[in-house]
Amino acid sequence: MTLSPDSDSMASKTCRVWRVFSWSVVGSEPAISLARALTEPWQHVVLGGAAIALFALRRGVVPTLLAAAAAGIILTSIGLPLPH
């Protein structure tokens, strides 16, 4: 049985989509676990700001991580409690 070029490319696309989907499911569990580990309210605000920067404003991952780290440093230096 020979496959036409259309069916071959469709199978390739389906396989690629499945791989991306499976890795996104596997990768989401640690993110959920880390989000549940947040104990201070200001940490949720920083996480929300990072989510907006990543998804709504389409900023890069590295600048977003650096901005979130800077926000955490600033917030704790002005007296907000550190997580336990």
Protein backbone atom coordinates (compact mmCIF):
# COMPACT_ATOMS: atom_id res chain seq x y z
CA MET A 1 0.00 0.00 0.00
CA THR A 2 1.42 3.38 -0.95
CA LEU A 3 0.56 6.57 0.79
CA SER A 4 -0.13 9.74 -1.08
CA PRO A 5 1.93 12.79 -0.12
CA ASP A 6 -1.14 14.33 1.49
CA SER A 7 -1.77 11.40 3.82
CA ASP A 8 1.93 11.21 4.73
CA SER A 9 2.09 14.88 5.66
CA MET A 10 -1.16 14.56 7.61
CA ALA A 11 0.27 11.64 9.62
CA SER A 12 3.43 13.63 10.25
CA LYS A 13 1.43 16.65 11.44
CA THR A 14 -0.72 14.48 13.68
CA CYS A 15 2.35 12.88 15.23
CA ARG A 16 3.94 16.30 15.80
CA VAL A 17 0.78 17.69 17.41
CA TRP A 18 0.53 14.65 19.67
CA ARG A 19 4.15 15.07 20.81
CA VAL A 20 3.65 18.74 21.63
CA PHE A 21 0.39 17.99 23.47
CA SER A 22 1.90 15.16 25.50
CA TRP A 23 4.89 17.28 26.56
CA SER A 24 2.61 20.14 27.55
CA VAL A 25 0.59 17.80 29.77
CA VAL A 26 3.73 16.36 31.35
CA GLY A 27 5.18 19.84 31.84
CA SER A 28 2.06 21.27 33.44
CA GLU A 29 2.20 19.10 36.58
CA PRO A 30 5.38 20.67 38.02
CA ALA A 31 4.02 24.15 37.26
CA ILE A 32 0.81 23.39 39.14
CA SER A 33 2.78 21.95 42.06
CA LEU A 34 4.98 25.04 42.20
CA ALA A 35 1.96 27.37 42.07
CA ARG A 36 0.39 25.51 45.00
CA ALA A 37 3.58 26.07 46.99
CA LEU A 38 3.04 29.84 47.04
CA THR A 39 2.24 30.89 50.60
CA GLU A 40 2.20 34.68 50.57
CA PRO A 41 -0.46 36.77 48.79
CA TRP A 42 2.15 38.95 47.09
CA GLN A 43 3.58 35.85 45.40
CA HIS A 44 0.22 35.26 43.69
CA VAL A 45 0.26 38.85 42.44
CA VAL A 46 3.76 38.41 40.99
CA LEU A 47 2.69 35.12 39.36
CA GLY A 48 -0.38 36.82 37.86
CA GLY A 49 1.77 39.64 36.52
CA ALA A 50 4.14 37.12 34.96
CA ALA A 51 1.22 35.28 33.35
CA ILE A 52 -0.07 38.54 31.87
CA ALA A 53 3.40 39.42 30.60
CA LEU A 54 3.84 36.01 28.99
CA PHE A 55 0.41 35.43 27.48
CA ALA A 56 -1.30 38.80 27.00
CA LEU A 57 1.74 40.97 26.28
CA ARG A 58 3.69 38.12 24.62
CA ARG A 59 6.95 38.91 26.40
CA GLY A 60 9.84 36.48 26.47
CA VAL A 61 10.42 33.94 29.22
CA VAL A 62 13.81 35.22 30.38
CA PRO A 63 12.78 38.90 30.73
CA THR A 64 9.61 37.81 32.53
CA LEU A 65 11.58 35.64 34.98
CA LEU A 66 14.03 38.47 35.61
CA ALA A 67 11.19 40.95 36.19
CA ALA A 68 9.43 38.55 38.58
CA ALA A 69 12.67 38.00 40.49
CA ALA A 70 13.25 41.76 40.71
CA ALA A 71 9.66 42.26 41.91
CA GLY A 72 10.17 39.63 44.62
CA ILE A 73 13.39 41.22 45.77
CA ILE A 74 11.84 44.68 45.88
CA LEU A 75 8.69 43.50 47.67
CA THR A 76 10.61 41.63 50.36
CA SER A 77 13.07 44.51 50.82
CA ILE A 78 10.20 46.89 51.60
CA GLY A 79 8.98 44.60 54.33
CA LEU A 80 6.59 42.03 52.90
CA PRO A 81 7.05 38.65 54.56
CA LEU A 82 9.26 35.95 53.12
CA PRO A 83 7.64 32.56 52.54
CA HIS A 84 8.36 29.88 55.12
